[in-house]
Each structure stands twice: as structure tokens, then as C-alpha cells.
Amino acid sequence: MRGRRTGALAGGLITAALLMGGTSPALASAEVSYSTDSAAACGLSVVKWYSEGLSKYVKVKNSCSTSKTYCVDINNWPDKGPFTISGSTTKSQRYVGIAAPTGRGVYTTSKGCGPT
């Protein structure tokens, strides 16, 4: 009887997630697409966040053939940048001192960083 309650609870949570516009854990893997379109694969991605000495760094990969200008998004802290990365390269970039929070992402920009 205990297993049945757990199953019913899990089923109810999945149904609630679906009704609120989410996806169920069982269906999430079915939504993965494997694209070979190079345009879809073009973009910036964070390889890793790390600290060295008194600085924090982000290692960014540019999978596009053209240079990109980007900013580092930091929660509850002013965004840093803009920084530029050449096409088809990976680059480590110092973005703040050790006392700042770790970044949470990067975004491309043609203007300055932060709120507009």
C-alpha cells in the first residue's frame, strides 16, 4: 500500500507540472533534438567557472566562425564586460575579483553590459 501512495503522489506531481505548462520528467528526454544544422550550433557557451589567485574567471567557447562580443551575467552584481572572443576559439577571461559572486551565464551584446 505504501508503494501505491508514492506512485499516486508522483503521478499527481507530474500531472500538476503538465497543467502548469511544465514537462514531465518522463517526457523531458523525448524533447531533446539532435540537430546537424551548423547555424543552430553557432553560439557562445560557458566551459567552466573557476578562481585563481584573487580573481574569478570564465572559460568561454565560441562555436561561430565570427568574433562575438559578450557580457558576463552575475546575480545581484553588475554585469561585466563587454569582452570579445574570436571565432571558433575557447578563451579564459578574468571578469571579477574573488569577493564577487560567481557568474551565472554569458550573453552576446552589441551595446554595453547590464540593464538598458
C-alpha atoms as a PDB file:
ATOM      1  CA  MET A   1       0.000   0.000   0.000  1.00  0.00           C
ATOM      2  CA  ARG A   2       2.888   2.331   0.715  1.00  0.00           C
ATOM      3  CA  GLY A   3       4.272   1.988  -2.836  1.00  0.00           C
ATOM      4  CA  ARG A   4       0.865   2.761  -4.284  1.00  0.00           C
ATOM      5  CA  ARG A   5       0.677   6.071  -2.364  1.00  0.00           C
ATOM      6  CA  THR A   6       4.115   7.105  -3.601  1.00  0.00           C
ATOM      7  CA  GLY A   7       3.112   6.268  -7.174  1.00  0.00           C
ATOM      8  CA  ALA A   8      -0.097   8.239  -6.873  1.00  0.00           C
ATOM      9  CA  LEU A   9       1.799  11.189  -5.405  1.00  0.00           C
ATOM     10  CA  ALA A  10       4.349  11.119  -8.234  1.00  0.00           C
ATOM     11  CA  GLY A  11       1.576  10.875 -10.808  1.00  0.00           C
ATOM     12  CA  GLY A  12      -0.175  13.849  -9.232  1.00  0.00           C
ATOM     13  CA  LEU A  13       3.011  15.925  -9.293  1.00  0.00           C
ATOM     14  CA  ILE A  14       3.616  15.107 -12.953  1.00  0.00           C
ATOM     15  CA  THR A  15       0.011  15.992 -13.808  1.00  0.00           C
ATOM     16  CA  ALA A  16       0.302  19.277 -11.867  1.00  0.00           C
ATOM     17  CA  ALA A  17       3.539  20.125 -13.685  1.00  0.00           C
ATOM     18  CA  LEU A  18       1.903  19.480 -17.046  1.00  0.00           C
ATOM     19  CA  LEU A  19      -1.148  21.578 -16.170  1.00  0.00           C
ATOM     20  CA  MET A  20       1.114  24.484 -15.167  1.00  0.00           C
ATOM     21  CA  GLY A  21       2.917  24.350 -18.511  1.00  0.00           C
ATOM     22  CA  GLY A  22       5.907  22.272 -17.449  1.00  0.00           C
ATOM     23  CA  THR A  23       7.154  18.979 -18.778  1.00  0.00           C
ATOM     24  CA  SER A  24       7.089  15.665 -17.037  1.00  0.00           C
ATOM     25  CA  PRO A  25      10.401  14.016 -16.221  1.00  0.00           C
ATOM     26  CA  ALA A  26       9.434  11.047 -18.366  1.00  0.00           C
ATOM     27  CA  LEU A  27       8.754  13.269 -21.364  1.00  0.00           C
ATOM     28  CA  ALA A  28      11.750  15.575 -20.974  1.00  0.00           C
ATOM     29  CA  SER A  29      14.126  13.181 -22.734  1.00  0.00           C
ATOM     30  CA  ALA A  30      11.734  12.869 -25.664  1.00  0.00           C
ATOM     31  CA  GLU A  31      12.074  16.605 -26.364  1.00  0.00           C
ATOM     32  CA  VAL A  32      15.832  16.506 -26.997  1.00  0.00           C
ATOM     33  CA  SER A  33      16.658  17.266 -30.603  1.00  0.00           C
ATOM     34  CA  TYR A  34      19.864  16.303 -32.334  1.00  0.00           C
ATOM     35  CA  SER A  35      20.485  18.920 -34.991  1.00  0.00           C
ATOM     36  CA  THR A  36      23.282  18.800 -37.529  1.00  0.00           C
ATOM     37  CA  ASP A  37      22.475  22.315 -38.728  1.00  0.00           C
ATOM     38  CA  SER A  38      25.663  24.342 -38.160  1.00  0.00           C
ATOM     39  CA  ALA A  39      23.701  27.584 -37.822  1.00  0.00           C
ATOM     40  CA  ALA A  40      21.766  26.131 -34.896  1.00  0.00           C
ATOM     41  CA  ALA A  41      25.022  25.093 -33.214  1.00  0.00           C
ATOM     42  CA  CYS A  42      26.626  28.548 -33.568  1.00  0.00           C
ATOM     43  CA  GLY A  43      26.885  30.460 -30.313  1.00  0.00           C
ATOM     44  CA  LEU A  44      28.687  31.090 -27.046  1.00  0.00           C
ATOM     45  CA  SER A  45      28.827  28.614 -24.196  1.00  0.00           C
ATOM     46  CA  VAL A  46      30.467  28.523 -20.779  1.00  0.00           C
ATOM     47  CA  VAL A  47      33.024  25.740 -20.490  1.00  0.00           C
ATOM     48  CA  LYS A  48      33.747  26.353 -16.784  1.00  0.00           C
ATOM     49  CA  TRP A  49      33.847  28.874 -13.955  1.00  0.00           C
ATOM     50  CA  TYR A  50      36.966  28.975 -11.766  1.00  0.00           C
ATOM     51  CA  SER A  51      39.002  31.052  -9.311  1.00  0.00           C
ATOM     52  CA  GLU A  52      42.717  31.636  -9.485  1.00  0.00           C
ATOM     53  CA  GLY A  53      44.607  33.828  -7.033  1.00  0.00           C
ATOM     54  CA  LEU A  54      42.425  36.817  -6.211  1.00  0.00           C
ATOM     55  CA  SER A  55      40.356  36.658  -9.417  1.00  0.00           C
ATOM     56  CA  LYS A  56      37.389  34.790 -10.888  1.00  0.00           C
ATOM     57  CA  TYR A  57      37.499  33.548 -14.462  1.00  0.00           C
ATOM     58  CA  VAL A  58      35.107  32.149 -17.006  1.00  0.00           C
ATOM     59  CA  LYS A  59      36.206  29.913 -19.870  1.00  0.00           C
ATOM     60  CA  VAL A  60      34.017  30.673 -22.895  1.00  0.00           C
ATOM     61  CA  LYS A  61      33.726  28.757 -26.165  1.00  0.00           C
ATOM     62  CA  ASN A  62      32.684  30.490 -29.397  1.00  0.00           C
ATOM     63  CA  SER A  63      31.437  27.877 -31.845  1.00  0.00           C
ATOM     64  CA  CYS A  64      30.710  30.521 -34.512  1.00  0.00           C
ATOM     65  CA  SER A  65      33.222  31.372 -37.224  1.00  0.00           C
ATOM     66  CA  THR A  66      32.877  35.104 -36.496  1.00  0.00           C
ATOM     67  CA  SER A  67      34.005  37.100 -33.440  1.00  0.00           C
ATOM     68  CA  LYS A  68      31.426  37.759 -30.728  1.00  0.00           C
ATOM     69  CA  THR A  69      31.144  40.437 -28.060  1.00  0.00           C
ATOM     70  CA  TYR A  70      29.701  39.194 -24.783  1.00  0.00           C
ATOM     71  CA  CYS A  71      28.960  40.124 -21.180  1.00  0.00           C
ATOM     72  CA  VAL A  72      29.167  38.013 -18.036  1.00  0.00           C
ATOM     73  CA  ASP A  73      25.840  37.844 -16.171  1.00  0.00           C
ATOM     74  CA  ILE A  74      26.369  37.932 -12.387  1.00  0.00           C
ATOM     75  CA  ASN A  75      23.466  37.500  -9.969  1.00  0.00           C
ATOM     76  CA  ASN A  76      22.957  40.507  -7.650  1.00  0.00           C
ATOM     77  CA  TRP A  77      26.078  42.197  -9.024  1.00  0.00           C
ATOM     78  CA  PRO A  78      26.766  44.481 -12.001  1.00  0.00           C
ATOM     79  CA  ASP A  79      27.341  42.503 -15.206  1.00  0.00           C
ATOM     80  CA  LYS A  80      30.907  42.653 -16.506  1.00  0.00           C
ATOM     81  CA  GLY A  81      32.203  43.285 -19.989  1.00  0.00           C
ATOM     82  CA  PRO A  82      31.912  43.701 -22.832  1.00  0.00           C
ATOM     83  CA  PHE A  83      34.584  41.188 -23.806  1.00  0.00           C
ATOM     84  CA  THR A  84      35.387  39.937 -27.311  1.00  0.00           C
ATOM     85  CA  ILE A  85      36.217  36.402 -28.383  1.00  0.00           C
ATOM     86  CA  SER A  86      37.468  35.408 -31.838  1.00  0.00           C
ATOM     87  CA  GLY A  87      35.557  32.920 -33.952  1.00  0.00           C
ATOM     88  CA  SER A  88      35.983  29.177 -33.375  1.00  0.00           C
ATOM     89  CA  THR A  89      38.037  29.585 -30.192  1.00  0.00           C
ATOM     90  CA  THR A  90      37.934  28.971 -26.452  1.00  0.00           C
ATOM     91  CA  LYS A  91      39.200  31.704 -24.123  1.00  0.00           C
ATOM     92  CA  SER A  92      39.592  32.233 -20.379  1.00  0.00           C
ATOM     93  CA  GLN A  93      38.529  35.685 -19.247  1.00  0.00           C
ATOM     94  CA  ARG A  94      39.049  37.346 -15.850  1.00  0.00           C
ATOM     95  CA  TYR A  95      35.771  39.061 -15.025  1.00  0.00           C
ATOM     96  CA  VAL A  96      35.827  39.996 -11.288  1.00  0.00           C
ATOM     97  CA  GLY A  97      37.797  39.815  -8.067  1.00  0.00           C
ATOM     98  CA  ILE A  98      37.476  36.933  -5.636  1.00  0.00           C
ATOM     99  CA  ALA A  99      34.930  38.753  -3.396  1.00  0.00           C
ATOM    100  CA  ALA A 100      32.268  38.903  -6.146  1.00  0.00           C
ATOM    101  CA  PRO A 101      29.701  36.149  -6.740  1.00  0.00           C
ATOM    102  CA  THR A 102      30.385  33.561  -9.427  1.00  0.00           C
ATOM    103  CA  GLY A 103      28.813  34.392 -12.784  1.00  0.00           C
ATOM    104  CA  ARG A 104      25.721  32.561 -13.957  1.00  0.00           C
ATOM    105  CA  GLY A 105      25.977  32.923 -17.716  1.00  0.00           C
ATOM    106  CA  VAL A 106      27.142  34.902 -20.726  1.00  0.00           C
ATOM    107  CA  TYR A 107      25.142  36.785 -23.319  1.00  0.00           C
ATOM    108  CA  THR A 108      26.053  38.416 -26.606  1.00  0.00           C
ATOM    109  CA  THR A 109      25.728  42.166 -26.950  1.00  0.00           C
ATOM    110  CA  SER A 110      26.247  44.938 -29.432  1.00  0.00           C
ATOM    111  CA  LYS A 111      25.979  47.558 -26.657  1.00  0.00           C
ATOM    112  CA  GLY A 112      27.218  47.779 -23.083  1.00  0.00           C
ATOM    113  CA  CYS A 113      26.510  45.248 -20.360  1.00  0.00           C
ATOM    114  CA  GLY A 114      23.812  45.358 -17.718  1.00  0.00           C
ATOM    115  CA  PRO A 115      20.318  46.831 -17.653  1.00  0.00           C
ATOM    116  CA  THR A 116      19.353  49.019 -20.580  1.00  0.00           C
END
